Amino acid sequence: MGFKLSMLEIRQCYTPKLSNTSEVKNFLQAIWADLPQGPSNAAILSFYKNLQACKIAAGAHFEHAV
């Protein structure tokens, strides 16, 4: 929920239109730098665990092994 709120705040604070690709790039890099790292790491770890379980199950049903 905090992420959505901060994106809403950014959207409300940043009203000028971006006129070229370097402005868009700088804006997106600023947003990316402000994102919390914890949820991204958790999503990657979860995906890795599911991928490993799928590999062990040879593509069969693996949800019970996670």
N, C-alpha and C. Protein backbone atom coordinates (compact mmCIF):
# COMPACT_ATOMS: atom_id res chain seq x y z
N MET A 1 0.83 -1.19 0.00
CA MET A 1 0.00 0.00 0.00
C MET A 1 0.87 1.25 0.00
N GLY A 2 1.99 1.20 0.72
CA GLY A 2 2.88 2.34 0.77
C GLY A 2 3.44 2.69 -0.60
N PHE A 3 3.72 1.67 -1.41
CA PHE A 3 4.24 1.90 -2.75
C PHE A 3 3.22 2.65 -3.60
N LYS A 4 1.96 2.24 -3.56
CA LYS A 4 0.93 2.91 -4.35
C LYS A 4 0.76 4.35 -3.91
N LEU A 5 0.85 4.58 -2.61
CA LEU A 5 0.70 5.94 -2.11
C LEU A 5 1.86 6.80 -2.58
N SER A 6 3.06 6.29 -2.54
CA SER A 6 4.19 7.10 -2.97
C SER A 6 4.14 7.37 -4.47
N MET A 7 3.69 6.41 -5.27
CA MET A 7 3.54 6.64 -6.70
C MET A 7 2.49 7.70 -6.96
N LEU A 8 1.40 7.68 -6.19
CA LEU A 8 0.36 8.70 -6.33
C LEU A 8 0.92 10.06 -5.97
N GLU A 9 1.71 10.13 -4.91
CA GLU A 9 2.32 11.39 -4.51
C GLU A 9 3.26 11.89 -5.60
N ILE A 10 4.03 11.02 -6.19
CA ILE A 10 4.94 11.42 -7.27
C ILE A 10 4.14 11.94 -8.44
N ARG A 11 3.09 11.25 -8.78
CA ARG A 11 2.28 11.66 -9.92
C ARG A 11 1.65 13.03 -9.67
N GLN A 12 1.20 13.28 -8.44
CA GLN A 12 0.59 14.57 -8.12
C GLN A 12 1.63 15.68 -8.08
N CYS A 13 2.81 15.39 -7.62
CA CYS A 13 3.86 16.41 -7.51
C CYS A 13 4.49 16.72 -8.84
N TYR A 14 4.54 15.76 -9.72
CA TYR A 14 5.23 15.94 -11.00
C TYR A 14 4.19 16.16 -12.08
N THR A 15 3.84 17.42 -12.32
CA THR A 15 2.80 17.72 -13.29
C THR A 15 3.31 18.09 -14.69
N PRO A 16 4.54 18.64 -14.86
CA PRO A 16 4.95 18.99 -16.22
C PRO A 16 5.08 17.76 -17.11
N LYS A 17 4.82 17.96 -18.38
CA LYS A 17 4.97 16.85 -19.32
C LYS A 17 6.43 16.67 -19.68
N LEU A 18 6.81 15.44 -19.85
CA LEU A 18 8.18 15.13 -20.24
C LEU A 18 8.30 15.35 -21.74
N SER A 19 9.32 16.09 -22.15
CA SER A 19 9.40 16.48 -23.55
C SER A 19 10.39 15.67 -24.38
N ASN A 20 11.33 14.97 -23.73
CA ASN A 20 12.27 14.18 -24.52
C ASN A 20 12.67 12.93 -23.75
N THR A 21 13.39 12.07 -24.41
CA THR A 21 13.72 10.78 -23.80
C THR A 21 14.65 10.90 -22.61
N SER A 22 15.53 11.88 -22.59
CA SER A 22 16.43 12.02 -21.45
C SER A 22 15.66 12.43 -20.19
N GLU A 23 14.62 13.25 -20.34
CA GLU A 23 13.78 13.61 -19.20
C GLU A 23 13.02 12.40 -18.68
N VAL A 24 12.50 11.60 -19.60
CA VAL A 24 11.78 10.38 -19.21
C VAL A 24 12.74 9.43 -18.49
N LYS A 25 13.94 9.27 -19.04
CA LYS A 25 14.93 8.39 -18.44
C LYS A 25 15.28 8.86 -17.02
N ASN A 26 15.53 10.14 -16.85
CA ASN A 26 15.88 10.67 -15.53
C ASN A 26 14.73 10.50 -14.54
N PHE A 27 13.51 10.73 -15.00
CA PHE A 27 12.34 10.58 -14.13
C PHE A 27 12.17 9.13 -13.69
N LEU A 28 12.30 8.20 -14.62
CA LEU A 28 12.15 6.78 -14.29
C LEU A 28 13.29 6.29 -13.39
N GLN A 29 14.49 6.79 -13.60
CA GLN A 29 15.61 6.41 -12.73
C GLN A 29 15.39 6.91 -11.31
N ALA A 30 14.82 8.11 -11.17
CA ALA A 30 14.54 8.64 -9.84
C ALA A 30 13.49 7.80 -9.13
N ILE A 31 12.46 7.40 -9.85
CA ILE A 31 11.41 6.55 -9.27
C ILE A 31 12.02 5.19 -8.88
N TRP A 32 12.80 4.61 -9.78
CA TRP A 32 13.41 3.30 -9.53
C TRP A 32 14.31 3.34 -8.30
N ALA A 33 15.06 4.43 -8.14
CA ALA A 33 15.97 4.55 -7.00
C ALA A 33 15.21 4.64 -5.67
N ASP A 34 13.97 5.16 -5.71
CA ASP A 34 13.18 5.32 -4.49
C ASP A 34 12.38 4.08 -4.12
N LEU A 35 12.33 3.09 -5.01
CA LEU A 35 11.57 1.89 -4.70
C LEU A 35 12.25 1.10 -3.59
N PRO A 36 11.45 0.58 -2.65
CA PRO A 36 12.06 -0.24 -1.60
C PRO A 36 12.59 -1.56 -2.17
N GLN A 37 13.74 -1.99 -1.72
CA GLN A 37 14.39 -3.18 -2.25
C GLN A 37 13.80 -4.47 -1.68
N GLY A 38 13.25 -4.43 -0.48
CA GLY A 38 12.75 -5.62 0.19
C GLY A 38 11.70 -6.40 -0.60
N PRO A 39 10.62 -5.76 -1.07
CA PRO A 39 9.61 -6.50 -1.83
C PRO A 39 10.16 -7.10 -3.12
N SER A 40 11.08 -6.41 -3.77
CA SER A 40 11.68 -6.96 -4.99
C SER A 40 12.48 -8.21 -4.67
N ASN A 41 13.27 -8.16 -3.62
CA ASN A 41 14.06 -9.33 -3.22
C ASN A 41 13.16 -10.50 -2.85
N ALA A 42 12.06 -10.23 -2.14
CA ALA A 42 11.14 -11.29 -1.75
C ALA A 42 10.49 -11.93 -2.97
N ALA A 43 10.11 -11.12 -3.96
CA ALA A 43 9.49 -11.66 -5.17
C ALA A 43 10.48 -12.52 -5.95
N ILE A 44 11.72 -12.08 -6.03
CA ILE A 44 12.74 -12.85 -6.74
C ILE A 44 13.00 -14.17 -6.03
N LEU A 45 13.10 -14.14 -4.72
CA LEU A 45 13.34 -15.37 -3.95
C LEU A 45 12.17 -16.34 -4.11
N SER A 46 10.95 -15.81 -4.07
CA SER A 46 9.76 -16.66 -4.24
C SER A 46 9.76 -17.30 -5.62
N PHE A 47 10.07 -16.52 -6.65
CA PHE A 47 10.12 -17.06 -8.01
C PHE A 47 11.18 -18.14 -8.12
N TYR A 48 12.34 -17.89 -7.51
CA TYR A 48 13.43 -18.87 -7.55
C TYR A 48 13.01 -20.17 -6.88
N LYS A 49 12.35 -20.09 -5.72
CA LYS A 49 11.90 -21.30 -5.03
C LYS A 49 10.90 -22.07 -5.88
N ASN A 50 9.97 -21.37 -6.52
CA ASN A 50 8.98 -22.04 -7.37
C ASN A 50 9.65 -22.67 -8.58
N LEU A 51 10.61 -21.97 -9.15
CA LEU A 51 11.33 -22.51 -10.31
C LEU A 51 12.11 -23.77 -9.94
N GLN A 52 12.74 -23.77 -8.78
CA GLN A 52 13.48 -24.94 -8.32
C GLN A 52 12.52 -26.12 -8.08
N ALA A 53 11.36 -25.83 -7.47
CA ALA A 53 10.38 -26.90 -7.22
C ALA A 53 9.87 -27.47 -8.54
N CYS A 54 9.65 -26.61 -9.52
CA CYS A 54 9.20 -27.07 -10.83
C CYS A 54 10.28 -27.93 -11.50
N LYS A 55 11.52 -27.54 -11.35
CA LYS A 55 12.63 -28.30 -11.93
C LYS A 55 12.73 -29.68 -11.29
N ILE A 56 12.59 -29.73 -9.97
CA ILE A 56 12.66 -31.01 -9.26
C ILE A 56 11.49 -31.91 -9.67
N ALA A 57 10.31 -31.32 -9.87
CA ALA A 57 9.12 -32.09 -10.24
C ALA A 57 9.08 -32.39 -11.73
N ALA A 58 10.10 -31.97 -12.46
CA ALA A 58 10.19 -32.20 -13.90
C ALA A 58 8.96 -31.66 -14.63
N GLY A 59 8.50 -30.49 -14.21
CA GLY A 59 7.38 -29.83 -14.87
C GLY A 59 6.03 -30.29 -14.43
N ALA A 60 5.94 -31.29 -13.56
CA ALA A 60 4.65 -31.76 -13.08
C ALA A 60 4.13 -30.80 -12.00
N HIS A 61 3.02 -31.16 -11.36
CA HIS A 61 2.49 -30.31 -10.31
C HIS A 61 3.49 -30.23 -9.16
N PHE A 62 3.79 -29.01 -8.75
CA PHE A 62 4.85 -28.85 -7.74
C PHE A 62 4.41 -27.96 -6.58
N GLU A 63 3.17 -27.47 -6.59
CA GLU A 63 2.73 -26.53 -5.56
C GLU A 63 2.87 -27.11 -4.14
N HIS A 64 2.67 -28.41 -4.02
CA HIS A 64 2.78 -29.03 -2.70
C HIS A 64 4.23 -29.09 -2.21
N ALA A 65 5.19 -28.97 -3.12
CA ALA A 65 6.60 -29.08 -2.75
C ALA A 65 7.18 -27.74 -2.33
N VAL A 66 6.43 -26.65 -2.54
CA VAL A 66 6.97 -25.32 -2.23
C VAL A 66 6.88 -25.04 -0.77
